């Protein structure tokens, strides 16, 4: 196993995998945030754009559910994105209280820059891995995600 290039607190020895996940997530999020800043986006806005690029005209509630962020974060992001000319929000015809989100031409033009950002982040992240290691990592990462999410569900049921 490679030796960490940074100082690991002694208490992290109680959860070396969890601490490694924390370090990985922090480094990945910081690199992604820097790349997003170059595109004049804030972290999380690319996720909203990606959802709308796949299916334009979603309600704010649908977007909220699909990206897994809290209501205030999504509302603030959508407002900033509307101010930047990436999308418009309009009341739904069936219920004026429901807001439907549509991309503008400027928002639709973000498809390739966002795809390029994900490709570049993937290349940076997997630079020192073989194809097999990268595939294994993805499987393991999703297995850990499922274990954590299933544990949360199980804990909620037993309370």
C-alpha atoms as a PDB file:
ATOM      1  CA  UNK A   1       0.000   0.000   0.000  1.00  0.00           C
ATOM      2  CA  UNK A   2       1.422   3.439  -0.909  1.00  0.00           C
ATOM      3  CA  UNK A   3       2.569   5.639   1.930  1.00  0.00           C
ATOM      4  CA  UNK A   4       0.514   8.843   2.244  1.00  0.00           C
ATOM      5  CA  UNK A   5       2.406  11.948   1.142  1.00  0.00           C
ATOM      6  CA  UNK A   6       0.785  14.019   3.879  1.00  0.00           C
ATOM      7  CA  UNK A   7       0.631  13.803   7.637  1.00  0.00           C
ATOM      8  CA  UNK A   8      -2.211  11.586   8.787  1.00  0.00           C
ATOM      9  CA  UNK A   9      -3.510  12.342  12.287  1.00  0.00           C
ATOM     10  CA  UNK A  10      -3.051   9.392  14.619  1.00  0.00           C
ATOM     11  CA  UNK A  11      -6.787   9.141  15.308  1.00  0.00           C
ATOM     12  CA  UNK A  12      -7.386   8.650  11.564  1.00  0.00           C
ATOM     13  CA  UNK A  13      -5.671   5.288  12.047  1.00  0.00           C
ATOM     14  CA  UNK A  14      -8.998   4.102  13.468  1.00  0.00           C
ATOM     15  CA  UNK A  15     -10.534   4.548  10.013  1.00  0.00           C
ATOM     16  CA  UNK A  16      -7.797   4.581   7.357  1.00  0.00           C
ATOM     17  CA  UNK A  17     -10.199   3.911   4.466  1.00  0.00           C
ATOM     18  CA  UNK A  18     -12.622   6.592   5.653  1.00  0.00           C
ATOM     19  CA  UNK A  19      -9.809   9.106   6.051  1.00  0.00           C
ATOM     20  CA  UNK A  20      -8.511   8.269   2.572  1.00  0.00           C
ATOM     21  CA  UNK A  21     -12.041   8.807   1.171  1.00  0.00           C
ATOM     22  CA  UNK A  22     -12.194  12.174   2.945  1.00  0.00           C
ATOM     23  CA  UNK A  23      -8.814  13.215   1.492  1.00  0.00           C
ATOM     24  CA  UNK A  24      -9.808  12.003  -1.975  1.00  0.00           C
ATOM     25  CA  UNK A  25     -13.161  13.802  -1.896  1.00  0.00           C
ATOM     26  CA  UNK A  26     -11.552  17.024  -0.690  1.00  0.00           C
ATOM     27  CA  UNK A  27      -8.834  16.981  -3.373  1.00  0.00           C
ATOM     28  CA  UNK A  28     -11.286  16.044  -6.135  1.00  0.00           C
ATOM     29  CA  UNK A  29     -13.809  18.709  -5.076  1.00  0.00           C
ATOM     30  CA  UNK A  30     -11.079  21.384  -4.972  1.00  0.00           C
ATOM     31  CA  UNK A  31      -9.806  20.493  -8.461  1.00  0.00           C
ATOM     32  CA  UNK A  32     -13.348  20.385  -9.862  1.00  0.00           C
ATOM     33  CA  UNK A  33     -14.177  23.745  -8.227  1.00  0.00           C
ATOM     34  CA  UNK A  34     -11.123  25.348  -9.840  1.00  0.00           C
ATOM     35  CA  UNK A  35     -12.135  23.977 -13.249  1.00  0.00           C
ATOM     36  CA  UNK A  36     -15.708  25.191 -12.758  1.00  0.00           C
ATOM     37  CA  UNK A  37     -14.507  28.684 -11.797  1.00  0.00           C
ATOM     38  CA  UNK A  38     -12.769  28.862 -15.192  1.00  0.00           C
ATOM     39  CA  UNK A  39     -16.224  28.251 -16.728  1.00  0.00           C
ATOM     40  CA  UNK A  40     -17.848  30.881 -14.445  1.00  0.00           C
ATOM     41  CA  UNK A  41     -19.783  28.177 -12.592  1.00  0.00           C
ATOM     42  CA  UNK A  42     -20.050  27.392  -8.895  1.00  0.00           C
ATOM     43  CA  UNK A  43     -19.790  23.776  -7.667  1.00  0.00           C
ATOM     44  CA  UNK A  44     -23.132  22.033  -8.034  1.00  0.00           C
ATOM     45  CA  UNK A  45     -24.288  24.210 -10.913  1.00  0.00           C
ATOM     46  CA  UNK A  46     -22.757  21.775 -13.392  1.00  0.00           C
ATOM     47  CA  UNK A  47     -24.905  19.002 -11.883  1.00  0.00           C
ATOM     48  CA  UNK A  48     -28.050  21.073 -12.433  1.00  0.00           C
ATOM     49  CA  UNK A  49     -26.993  21.871 -15.990  1.00  0.00           C
ATOM     50  CA  UNK A  50     -26.263  18.194 -16.674  1.00  0.00           C
ATOM     51  CA  UNK A  51     -29.749  17.231 -15.472  1.00  0.00           C
ATOM     52  CA  UNK A  52     -31.346  19.906 -17.657  1.00  0.00           C
ATOM     53  CA  UNK A  53     -29.213  18.960 -20.654  1.00  0.00           C
ATOM     54  CA  UNK A  54     -30.602  15.420 -20.329  1.00  0.00           C
ATOM     55  CA  UNK A  55     -34.182  16.605 -19.766  1.00  0.00           C
ATOM     56  CA  UNK A  56     -35.032  20.268 -20.124  1.00  0.00           C
ATOM     57  CA  UNK A  57     -38.153  21.676 -18.508  1.00  0.00           C
ATOM     58  CA  UNK A  58     -37.905  20.001 -15.107  1.00  0.00           C
ATOM     59  CA  UNK A  59     -39.541  21.464 -12.041  1.00  0.00           C
ATOM     60  CA  UNK A  60     -37.368  22.799  -9.241  1.00  0.00           C
ATOM     61  CA  UNK A  61     -38.569  19.861  -7.109  1.00  0.00           C
ATOM     62  CA  UNK A  62     -37.457  17.329  -9.732  1.00  0.00           C
ATOM     63  CA  UNK A  63     -34.042  18.980  -9.958  1.00  0.00           C
ATOM     64  CA  UNK A  64     -33.759  19.041  -6.190  1.00  0.00           C
ATOM     65  CA  UNK A  65     -34.422  15.297  -6.032  1.00  0.00           C
ATOM     66  CA  UNK A  66     -32.066  14.413  -8.896  1.00  0.00           C
ATOM     67  CA  UNK A  67     -28.987  16.273  -7.599  1.00  0.00           C
ATOM     68  CA  UNK A  68     -29.417  15.452  -3.909  1.00  0.00           C
ATOM     69  CA  UNK A  69     -28.674  18.963  -2.679  1.00  0.00           C
ATOM     70  CA  UNK A  70     -30.740  20.877  -0.150  1.00  0.00           C
ATOM     71  CA  UNK A  71     -33.554  23.219  -1.194  1.00  0.00           C
ATOM     72  CA  UNK A  72     -31.782  26.489  -0.326  1.00  0.00           C
ATOM     73  CA  UNK A  73     -28.622  25.474  -2.224  1.00  0.00           C
ATOM     74  CA  UNK A  74     -30.609  24.566  -5.345  1.00  0.00           C
ATOM     75  CA  UNK A  75     -32.733  27.728  -5.173  1.00  0.00           C
ATOM     76  CA  UNK A  76     -29.639  29.915  -4.759  1.00  0.00           C
ATOM     77  CA  UNK A  77     -27.846  28.116  -7.612  1.00  0.00           C
ATOM     78  CA  UNK A  78     -30.822  28.407  -9.951  1.00  0.00           C
ATOM     79  CA  UNK A  79     -31.155  32.133  -9.159  1.00  0.00           C
ATOM     80  CA  UNK A  80     -27.445  32.691  -9.899  1.00  0.00           C
ATOM     81  CA  UNK A  81     -27.701  30.650 -13.087  1.00  0.00           C
ATOM     82  CA  UNK A  82     -30.760  32.630 -14.197  1.00  0.00           C
ATOM     83  CA  UNK A  83     -28.885  35.890 -13.505  1.00  0.00           C
ATOM     84  CA  UNK A  84     -25.988  34.522 -15.618  1.00  0.00           C
ATOM     85  CA  UNK A  85     -28.399  33.845 -18.504  1.00  0.00           C
ATOM     86  CA  UNK A  86     -28.046  30.041 -18.404  1.00  0.00           C
ATOM     87  CA  UNK A  87     -31.684  29.267 -17.659  1.00  0.00           C
ATOM     88  CA  UNK A  88     -35.140  30.701 -17.096  1.00  0.00           C
ATOM     89  CA  UNK A  89     -37.684  29.746 -14.456  1.00  0.00           C
ATOM     90  CA  UNK A  90     -41.364  30.038 -15.229  1.00  0.00           C
ATOM     91  CA  UNK A  91     -44.534  29.072 -13.390  1.00  0.00           C
ATOM     92  CA  UNK A  92     -45.986  25.760 -14.615  1.00  0.00           C
ATOM     93  CA  UNK A  93     -49.185  25.952 -16.633  1.00  0.00           C
ATOM     94  CA  UNK A  94     -50.890  23.335 -14.445  1.00  0.00           C
ATOM     95  CA  UNK A  95     -49.952  25.052 -11.167  1.00  0.00           C
ATOM     96  CA  UNK A  96     -48.575  28.592 -11.001  1.00  0.00           C
ATOM     97  CA  UNK A  97     -46.860  27.813  -7.667  1.00  0.00           C
ATOM     98  CA  UNK A  98     -44.629  25.202  -9.355  1.00  0.00           C
ATOM     99  CA  UNK A  99     -41.542  26.582 -11.095  1.00  0.00           C
ATOM    100  CA  UNK A 100     -40.345  24.915 -14.309  1.00  0.00           C
ATOM    101  CA  UNK A 101     -36.709  25.379 -15.312  1.00  0.00           C
ATOM    102  CA  UNK A 102     -35.637  25.697 -18.965  1.00  0.00           C
ATOM    103  CA  UNK A 103     -32.159  26.140 -20.398  1.00  0.00           C
ATOM    104  CA  UNK A 104     -31.388  29.135 -22.575  1.00  0.00           C
ATOM    105  CA  UNK A 105     -29.180  28.868 -25.669  1.00  0.00           C
ATOM    106  CA  UNK A 106     -26.270  29.906 -23.425  1.00  0.00           C
ATOM    107  CA  UNK A 107     -27.151  27.098 -21.007  1.00  0.00           C
ATOM    108  CA  UNK A 108     -27.403  24.514 -23.807  1.00  0.00           C
ATOM    109  CA  UNK A 109     -23.991  25.692 -25.076  1.00  0.00           C
ATOM    110  CA  UNK A 110     -22.477  24.460 -21.780  1.00  0.00           C
ATOM    111  CA  UNK A 111     -22.845  20.790 -22.819  1.00  0.00           C
ATOM    112  CA  UNK A 112     -19.405  20.448 -24.406  1.00  0.00           C
ATOM    113  CA  UNK A 113     -17.476  22.578 -21.863  1.00  0.00           C
ATOM    114  CA  UNK A 114     -18.966  20.499 -19.025  1.00  0.00           C
ATOM    115  CA  UNK A 115     -18.217  17.232 -20.839  1.00  0.00           C
ATOM    116  CA  UNK A 116     -14.650  18.453 -21.463  1.00  0.00           C
ATOM    117  CA  UNK A 117     -14.270  19.317 -17.769  1.00  0.00           C
ATOM    118  CA  UNK A 118     -15.381  15.803 -16.732  1.00  0.00           C
ATOM    119  CA  UNK A 119     -13.004  14.234 -19.282  1.00  0.00           C
ATOM    120  CA  UNK A 120     -10.091  16.339 -18.001  1.00  0.00           C
ATOM    121  CA  UNK A 121     -10.932  15.567 -14.360  1.00  0.00           C
ATOM    122  CA  UNK A 122     -11.146  11.864 -15.216  1.00  0.00           C
ATOM    123  CA  UNK A 123      -7.748  11.959 -16.959  1.00  0.00           C
ATOM    124  CA  UNK A 124      -6.148  13.750 -14.005  1.00  0.00           C
ATOM    125  CA  UNK A 125      -7.756  11.386 -11.482  1.00  0.00           C
ATOM    126  CA  UNK A 126      -6.825   8.185 -13.319  1.00  0.00           C
ATOM    127  CA  UNK A 127      -3.416   9.352 -14.536  1.00  0.00           C
ATOM    128  CA  UNK A 128      -1.459   6.859 -12.414  1.00  0.00           C
ATOM    129  CA  UNK A 129      -3.971   3.989 -12.639  1.00  0.00           C
ATOM    130  CA  UNK A 130      -4.279   1.147 -15.096  1.00  0.00           C
ATOM    131  CA  UNK A 131      -7.638   0.714 -16.858  1.00  0.00           C
ATOM    132  CA  UNK A 132      -8.297  -2.274 -14.567  1.00  0.00           C
ATOM    133  CA  UNK A 133      -7.519  -0.225 -11.432  1.00  0.00           C
ATOM    134  CA  UNK A 134      -9.812   2.589 -12.598  1.00  0.00           C
ATOM    135  CA  UNK A 135     -12.668   0.145 -13.287  1.00  0.00           C
ATOM    136  CA  UNK A 136     -12.124  -1.553  -9.930  1.00  0.00           C
ATOM    137  CA  UNK A 137     -12.106   1.801  -8.159  1.00  0.00           C
ATOM    138  CA  UNK A 138     -15.471   2.748  -9.681  1.00  0.00           C
ATOM    139  CA  UNK A 139     -16.998  -0.574  -8.573  1.00  0.00           C
ATOM    140  CA  UNK A 140     -15.564  -0.235  -5.060  1.00  0.00           C
ATOM    141  CA  UNK A 141     -16.622   3.413  -4.747  1.00  0.00           C
ATOM    142  CA  UNK A 142     -20.225   2.548  -5.642  1.00  0.00           C
ATOM    143  CA  UNK A 143     -20.178  -0.436  -3.282  1.00  0.00           C
ATOM    144  CA  UNK A 144     -19.063   1.866  -0.444  1.00  0.00           C
ATOM    145  CA  UNK A 145     -21.702   4.444  -1.414  1.00  0.00           C
ATOM    146  CA  UNK A 146     -24.405   1.761  -1.378  1.00  0.00           C
ATOM    147  CA  UNK A 147     -23.188   0.421   1.992  1.00  0.00           C
ATOM    148  CA  UNK A 148     -23.282   3.904   3.529  1.00  0.00           C
ATOM    149  CA  UNK A 149     -26.707   4.704   2.060  1.00  0.00           C
ATOM    150  CA  UNK A 150     -28.152   1.327   3.046  1.00  0.00           C
ATOM    151  CA  UNK A 151     -26.793   1.771   6.579  1.00  0.00           C
ATOM    152  CA  UNK A 152     -28.512   5.142   6.816  1.00  0.00           C
ATOM    153  CA  UNK A 153     -31.777   3.556   5.684  1.00  0.00           C
ATOM    154  CA  UNK A 154     -31.399   0.663   8.145  1.00  0.00           C
ATOM    155  CA  UNK A 155     -30.589   3.047  11.002  1.00  0.00           C
ATOM    156  CA  UNK A 156     -33.653   5.139  10.183  1.00  0.00           C
ATOM    157  CA  UNK A 157     -35.909   2.089  10.205  1.00  0.00           C
ATOM    158  CA  UNK A 158     -34.729   0.889  13.619  1.00  0.00           C
ATOM    159  CA  UNK A 159     -35.377   4.208  15.372  1.00  0.00           C
END
